[in-house]
């Protein structure tokens, strides 16, 4: 699905060096110009198809390793050494440039049709200075849609995460969820708090929600007390491994709005998220088929799968729209 925003790299990882990234089936080269502004270009020279990421940084431009053609951040070729400085540059001498947004410590890229581009929508916690954010990352051998659906699926919690996410009743009545054209919000039964805080049970809210911002962002929120809140944010980037098989890079943030200066809480929240992901990983990587089947009868669904079915319907509609755009 190309009409979406995906994280290409952490802001801190994009320096003055050229960086190659593959997202979906798009090979990109990312770099910063002399002013520090991030750019993303198609990683293929218009001349003979060399990988621009194998070239060099040339001021505000990327220079091809084969014949030295230079491209600026808009993808326009600005210099062809074999022609000399004064020679005109063919109009076709350009590569595609991709829109970027740099926010919340991430560099996001949009791969789709510009005509259908919508602005990047992020949870408010990511840019709120009152929230502490601890980053983490994982790479799974799975398609991103399978990963997203597994997060929406609360009925697996007592079987895959019997101790890490709390003692959740395996008898799931529902769960309740709401949905719009671009969002699904699941209202899960209360989890035991990550931090065993010495508070009266009546004061513990334990209200948990899972919000999917279509197609690849998920925010898990828990209100421990009225004023103390924790959240886990996940952004899924589809890529491929060295053999061309599907992979998903999970970019995560462990978030809280209390005790921001306590590093021990950073470590506890980080380790908890990594442990939960490690429990999910072998199950999700083993799902077949690897791509989420969108035909309603391809897999058997029950009542507790309603929010996953809604996600599949959203995917099917979006992919059909992209297919019609390409015609």
Protein backbone atom coordinates (compact mmCIF):
# COMPACT_ATOMS: atom_id res chain seq x y z
CA UNK A 1 0.00 0.00 0.00
CA UNK A 2 1.81 3.09 -1.27
CA UNK A 3 -0.62 5.88 -0.36
CA UNK A 4 0.61 6.06 3.22
CA UNK A 5 3.41 7.49 5.35
CA UNK A 6 6.16 5.13 6.52
CA UNK A 7 9.15 5.72 8.77
CA UNK A 8 12.29 5.52 6.66
CA UNK A 9 14.86 6.12 9.39
CA UNK A 10 15.41 7.66 12.80
CA UNK A 11 16.31 11.34 12.56
CA UNK A 12 19.51 10.64 14.49
CA UNK A 13 20.59 8.01 11.95
CA UNK A 14 20.34 10.28 8.90
CA UNK A 15 23.62 12.17 8.70
CA UNK A 16 25.68 13.57 5.82
CA UNK A 17 26.20 10.03 4.49
CA UNK A 18 24.01 8.49 1.77
CA UNK A 19 21.59 5.93 3.17
CA UNK A 20 19.83 3.20 1.16
CA UNK A 21 16.37 2.04 2.20
CA UNK A 22 13.80 -0.28 0.62
CA UNK A 23 10.17 0.33 1.61
CA UNK A 24 7.54 -1.83 -0.04
CA UNK A 25 9.12 -2.33 -3.48
CA UNK A 26 10.64 1.16 -3.65
CA UNK A 27 14.43 1.51 -3.42
CA UNK A 28 15.35 4.89 -1.96
CA UNK A 29 18.45 6.92 -1.20
CA UNK A 30 18.14 9.35 1.70
CA UNK A 31 20.49 12.16 2.62
CA UNK A 32 20.74 15.59 4.20
CA UNK A 33 21.76 18.62 2.17
CA UNK A 34 24.24 21.26 3.34
CA UNK A 35 21.47 22.93 5.39
CA UNK A 36 20.56 19.67 7.14
CA UNK A 37 17.26 19.24 5.28
CA UNK A 38 16.38 15.59 4.61
CA UNK A 39 15.67 14.34 1.08
CA UNK A 40 14.61 11.01 -0.44
CA UNK A 41 15.18 10.08 -4.09
CA UNK A 42 14.61 6.97 -6.17
CA UNK A 43 17.83 4.98 -5.87
CA UNK A 44 18.38 4.60 -9.61
CA UNK A 45 20.23 6.98 -11.90
CA UNK A 46 18.25 8.08 -14.96
CA UNK A 47 21.30 7.49 -17.18
CA UNK A 48 22.25 3.81 -16.79
CA UNK A 49 20.39 2.73 -13.68
CA UNK A 50 23.26 2.76 -11.19
CA UNK A 51 22.44 2.88 -7.49
CA UNK A 52 22.78 6.47 -6.35
CA UNK A 53 23.30 5.24 -2.79
CA UNK A 54 26.65 3.82 -3.96
CA UNK A 55 27.70 7.30 -5.05
CA UNK A 56 28.80 10.27 -3.00
CA UNK A 57 27.41 13.33 -1.31
CA UNK A 58 28.14 16.45 -3.38
CA UNK A 59 27.02 19.54 -1.47
CA UNK A 60 23.24 19.68 -1.79
CA UNK A 61 23.29 16.88 -4.37
CA UNK A 62 23.86 13.16 -4.79
CA UNK A 63 26.49 12.15 -7.37
CA UNK A 64 26.07 8.89 -9.30
CA UNK A 65 28.98 6.43 -8.87
CA UNK A 66 29.00 5.50 -12.59
CA UNK A 67 29.30 8.75 -14.57
CA UNK A 68 29.05 11.38 -11.86
CA UNK A 69 25.63 12.77 -12.74
CA UNK A 70 24.44 14.97 -9.88
CA UNK A 71 20.86 15.22 -8.60
CA UNK A 72 19.46 17.80 -6.20
CA UNK A 73 16.80 17.21 -3.55
CA UNK A 74 13.99 17.67 -6.08
CA UNK A 75 15.40 14.85 -8.22
CA UNK A 76 16.53 17.21 -10.99
CA UNK A 77 19.89 16.50 -12.61
CA UNK A 78 22.05 19.59 -12.18
CA UNK A 79 25.36 18.44 -13.67
CA UNK A 80 26.56 15.91 -16.27
CA UNK A 81 30.38 15.89 -16.15
CA UNK A 82 30.87 14.41 -19.64
CA UNK A 83 28.86 17.30 -21.15
CA UNK A 84 30.65 20.10 -19.34
CA UNK A 85 29.13 22.84 -17.21
CA UNK A 86 27.70 24.88 -20.08
CA UNK A 87 25.88 22.08 -21.90
CA UNK A 88 22.09 21.86 -21.55
CA UNK A 89 20.74 19.02 -19.44
CA UNK A 90 18.04 16.81 -20.99
CA UNK A 91 14.60 17.34 -19.49
CA UNK A 92 14.32 13.58 -18.92
CA UNK A 93 17.44 13.62 -16.72
CA UNK A 94 15.67 13.43 -13.39
CA UNK A 95 14.68 10.88 -10.75
CA UNK A 96 11.64 10.76 -8.52
CA UNK A 97 11.75 12.73 -5.29
CA UNK A 98 9.57 11.59 -2.38
CA UNK A 99 7.84 13.84 0.19
CA UNK A 100 9.36 13.67 3.67
CA UNK A 101 8.26 14.80 7.11
CA UNK A 102 10.68 14.91 10.03
CA UNK A 103 8.82 14.83 13.33
CA UNK A 104 8.98 13.09 16.72
CA UNK A 105 12.50 11.80 16.05
CA UNK A 106 11.54 10.00 12.83
CA UNK A 107 11.92 10.71 9.12
CA UNK A 108 8.70 9.75 7.34
CA UNK A 109 8.36 9.15 3.60
CA UNK A 110 5.30 9.08 1.35
CA UNK A 111 5.56 6.67 -1.59
CA UNK A 112 2.20 7.07 -3.29
CA UNK A 113 0.48 9.32 -5.77
CA UNK A 114 0.95 12.97 -4.74
CA UNK A 115 -2.59 13.73 -5.84
CA UNK A 116 -3.90 11.42 -3.11
CA UNK A 117 -1.44 12.41 -0.38
CA UNK A 118 -2.93 13.34 2.99
CA UNK A 119 -0.95 15.01 5.74
CA UNK A 120 0.81 12.81 8.29
CA UNK A 121 -1.39 12.23 11.34
CA UNK A 122 0.33 11.35 14.63
CA UNK A 123 -0.94 10.75 18.17
CA UNK A 124 -0.64 13.92 20.29
CA UNK A 125 1.63 12.19 22.83
CA UNK A 126 4.48 12.09 20.28
CA UNK A 127 4.90 15.86 20.16
CA UNK A 128 3.73 16.76 23.68
CA UNK A 129 6.69 17.84 25.89
CA UNK A 130 4.86 16.51 28.96
CA UNK A 131 5.34 12.97 27.68
CA UNK A 132 8.58 11.01 28.05
CA UNK A 133 9.42 8.88 24.97
CA UNK A 134 11.79 5.91 25.07
CA UNK A 135 12.49 4.49 21.59
CA UNK A 136 12.78 0.82 20.70
CA UNK A 137 12.87 -1.17 17.48
CA UNK A 138 12.38 -4.71 16.20
CA UNK A 139 12.48 -6.44 12.82
CA UNK A 140 10.14 -9.32 12.03
CA UNK A 141 9.99 -11.71 9.09
CA UNK A 142 6.33 -10.93 8.53
CA UNK A 143 4.15 -8.68 6.39
CA UNK A 144 3.19 -5.47 8.15
CA UNK A 145 -0.54 -6.17 7.83
CA UNK A 146 -0.17 -9.38 9.84
CA UNK A 147 1.74 -7.44 12.50
CA UNK A 148 -0.90 -4.70 12.65
CA UNK A 149 -3.75 -7.19 12.94
CA UNK A 150 -2.00 -9.05 15.76
CA UNK A 151 -1.91 -5.85 17.82
CA UNK A 152 -5.65 -5.33 17.30
CA UNK A 153 -6.34 -8.92 18.38
CA UNK A 154 -6.92 -8.91 22.15
CA UNK A 155 -8.19 -12.49 22.29
CA UNK A 156 -4.64 -13.85 21.94
CA UNK A 157 -3.38 -12.11 25.10
CA UNK A 158 -4.01 -14.88 27.68
CA UNK A 159 -2.37 -17.47 25.43
CA UNK A 160 0.68 -15.62 24.05
CA UNK A 161 1.19 -13.15 26.93
CA UNK A 162 -0.16 -14.86 30.08
CA UNK A 163 2.13 -12.93 32.44
CA UNK A 164 3.46 -9.89 30.58
CA UNK A 165 0.26 -8.06 29.68
CA UNK A 166 -1.72 -9.15 32.70
CA UNK A 167 -4.23 -11.76 33.69
CA UNK A 168 -6.83 -11.19 31.01
CA UNK A 169 -9.94 -13.35 30.94
CA UNK A 170 -9.73 -15.61 27.85
CA UNK A 171 -13.50 -15.35 27.47
CA UNK A 172 -13.67 -12.22 25.37
CA UNK A 173 -17.10 -10.64 25.12
CA UNK A 174 -16.68 -8.49 22.06
CA UNK A 175 -14.41 -6.65 22.48
CA UNK A 176 -16.05 -3.29 21.97
CA UNK A 177 -14.57 -1.14 19.22
CA UNK A 178 -15.38 1.90 17.15
CA UNK A 179 -14.24 2.67 13.62
CA UNK A 180 -14.10 5.51 11.12
CA UNK A 181 -12.72 5.59 7.59
CA UNK A 182 -9.13 5.78 8.83
CA UNK A 183 -9.15 4.64 12.47
CA UNK A 184 -10.10 1.68 14.65
CA UNK A 185 -10.25 1.98 18.43
CA UNK A 186 -10.51 -1.20 20.52
CA UNK A 187 -11.65 -0.96 24.14
CA UNK A 188 -9.89 -3.79 25.91
CA UNK A 189 -10.64 -5.22 29.33
CA UNK A 190 -8.43 -3.74 32.07
CA UNK A 191 -4.87 -5.04 32.22
CA UNK A 192 -2.90 -5.32 35.41
CA UNK A 193 -0.59 -2.30 35.58
CA UNK A 194 2.94 -2.66 34.29
CA UNK A 195 4.21 -0.98 37.43
CA UNK A 196 2.82 -2.56 40.60
CA UNK A 197 2.08 0.78 42.19
CA UNK A 198 0.85 0.75 45.81
CA UNK A 199 -2.54 2.30 45.11
CA UNK A 200 -5.96 1.27 46.23
CA UNK A 201 -7.66 -0.98 43.70
CA UNK A 202 -10.62 1.38 43.54
CA UNK A 203 -8.31 4.20 42.41
CA UNK A 204 -6.72 2.21 39.60
CA UNK A 205 -8.43 3.01 36.32
CA UNK A 206 -6.80 0.34 34.16
CA UNK A 207 -8.64 1.58 31.09
CA UNK A 208 -6.89 0.22 28.01
CA UNK A 209 -7.46 1.17 24.41
CA UNK A 210 -5.75 0.16 21.19
CA UNK A 211 -6.02 2.70 18.40
CA UNK A 212 -5.02 1.91 14.83
CA UNK A 213 -4.42 4.87 12.53
CA UNK A 214 -4.74 3.33 9.10
CA UNK A 215 -2.79 1.54 7.81
CA UNK A 216 0.32 1.19 9.96
CA UNK A 217 0.26 3.15 13.24
CA UNK A 218 -0.92 1.70 16.55
CA UNK A 219 -1.17 3.34 19.97
CA UNK A 220 -1.85 1.30 23.11
CA UNK A 221 -2.94 3.49 26.03
CA UNK A 222 -3.45 2.67 29.71
CA UNK A 223 -4.73 5.11 32.35
CA UNK A 224 -3.22 3.97 35.64
CA UNK A 225 -4.65 6.88 37.58
CA UNK A 226 -6.67 9.85 36.39
CA UNK A 227 -3.48 11.88 35.91
CA UNK A 228 -0.92 9.10 35.28
CA UNK A 229 -0.98 7.60 31.82
CA UNK A 230 1.23 5.23 29.86
CA UNK A 231 1.22 4.40 26.18
CA UNK A 232 3.08 2.34 23.63
CA UNK A 233 3.32 3.64 20.08
CA UNK A 234 4.15 1.39 17.12
CA UNK A 235 4.76 2.41 13.50
CA UNK A 236 5.19 -0.40 10.98
CA UNK A 237 7.45 -0.06 7.95
CA UNK A 238 7.22 -2.79 5.27
CA UNK A 239 10.53 -3.80 3.74
CA UNK A 240 12.29 -6.92 2.42
CA UNK A 241 15.27 -8.97 3.54
CA UNK A 242 18.33 -9.86 1.45
CA UNK A 243 16.33 -12.64 -0.23
CA UNK A 244 13.41 -10.40 -1.16
CA UNK A 245 11.14 -11.85 1.54
CA UNK A 246 8.73 -9.64 3.46
CA UNK A 247 9.98 -7.97 6.62
CA UNK A 248 8.49 -5.39 8.93
CA UNK A 249 10.52 -2.89 10.92
CA UNK A 250 8.62 -1.98 14.07
CA UNK A 251 9.54 1.49 15.29
CA UNK A 252 8.28 1.97 18.83
CA UNK A 253 8.06 4.53 21.60
CA UNK A 254 7.38 3.71 25.25
CA UNK A 255 5.53 6.78 26.53
CA UNK A 256 4.50 8.12 29.94
CA UNK A 257 3.44 11.48 31.36
CA UNK A 258 4.74 11.02 34.91
CA UNK A 259 8.10 10.56 36.68
CA UNK A 260 9.91 11.58 33.52
CA UNK A 261 13.31 11.86 35.21
CA UNK A 262 13.37 8.31 36.61
CA UNK A 263 15.67 6.31 34.32
CA UNK A 264 14.68 3.05 35.98
CA UNK A 265 11.18 3.50 34.58
CA UNK A 266 12.70 3.99 31.12
CA UNK A 267 14.42 0.62 31.45
CA UNK A 268 11.34 -1.15 32.83
CA UNK A 269 9.00 0.17 30.14
CA UNK A 270 11.56 -0.56 27.39
CA UNK A 271 12.18 -4.12 28.55
CA UNK A 272 8.46 -4.78 28.92
CA UNK A 273 7.77 -3.77 25.32
CA UNK A 274 10.68 -5.81 23.96
CA UNK A 275 9.53 -8.85 25.94
CA UNK A 276 5.96 -8.57 24.63
CA UNK A 277 7.22 -8.24 21.05
CA UNK A 278 9.50 -11.25 21.50
CA UNK A 279 6.50 -13.30 22.65
CA UNK A 280 4.45 -12.26 19.62
CA UNK A 281 7.19 -12.61 17.04
CA UNK A 282 7.39 -16.41 16.49
CA UNK A 283 3.61 -16.69 16.30
CA UNK A 284 3.14 -13.89 13.79
CA UNK A 285 6.15 -14.94 11.70
CA UNK A 286 4.64 -18.41 11.44
CA UNK A 287 1.25 -17.29 10.12
CA UNK A 288 0.32 -18.48 6.65
CA UNK A 289 -0.21 -17.04 4.16
CA UNK A 290 2.30 -14.29 4.96
CA UNK A 291 0.13 -11.63 3.35
CA UNK A 292 -3.15 -10.92 5.08
CA UNK A 293 -5.92 -12.68 3.08
CA UNK A 294 -8.61 -10.18 2.19
CA UNK A 295 -11.29 -12.53 0.91
CA UNK A 296 -13.90 -12.78 3.71
CA UNK A 297 -13.95 -16.58 3.56
CA UNK A 298 -10.21 -17.18 3.29
CA UNK A 299 -10.04 -17.67 7.07
CA UNK A 300 -12.68 -18.45 9.70
CA UNK A 301 -13.80 -15.44 11.75
CA UNK A 302 -15.62 -15.28 15.08
CA UNK A 303 -17.11 -12.47 17.14
CA UNK A 304 -13.83 -11.47 18.81
CA UNK A 305 -12.28 -10.94 15.36
CA UNK A 306 -14.63 -8.10 14.41
CA UNK A 307 -12.01 -5.36 14.61
CA UNK A 308 -9.56 -7.40 12.52
CA UNK A 309 -12.24 -7.99 9.90
CA UNK A 310 -12.85 -4.24 9.81
CA UNK A 311 -9.12 -3.68 9.23
CA UNK A 312 -9.18 -6.13 6.32
CA UNK A 313 -12.13 -4.32 4.77
CA UNK A 314 -10.25 -1.03 5.07
CA UNK A 315 -7.19 -2.58 3.41
CA UNK A 316 -9.24 -4.06 0.59
CA UNK A 317 -10.91 -0.74 -0.12
CA UNK A 318 -7.61 1.16 -0.07
CA UNK A 319 -5.86 -1.31 -2.37
CA UNK A 320 -8.78 -1.23 -4.81
CA UNK A 321 -8.57 2.57 -4.87
CA UNK A 322 -4.83 2.45 -5.58
CA UNK A 323 -5.42 -0.05 -8.37
CA UNK A 324 -8.00 2.22 -9.98
CA UNK A 325 -5.64 5.20 -9.70
CA UNK A 326 -2.97 3.27 -11.61
CA UNK A 327 -5.29 2.52 -14.55
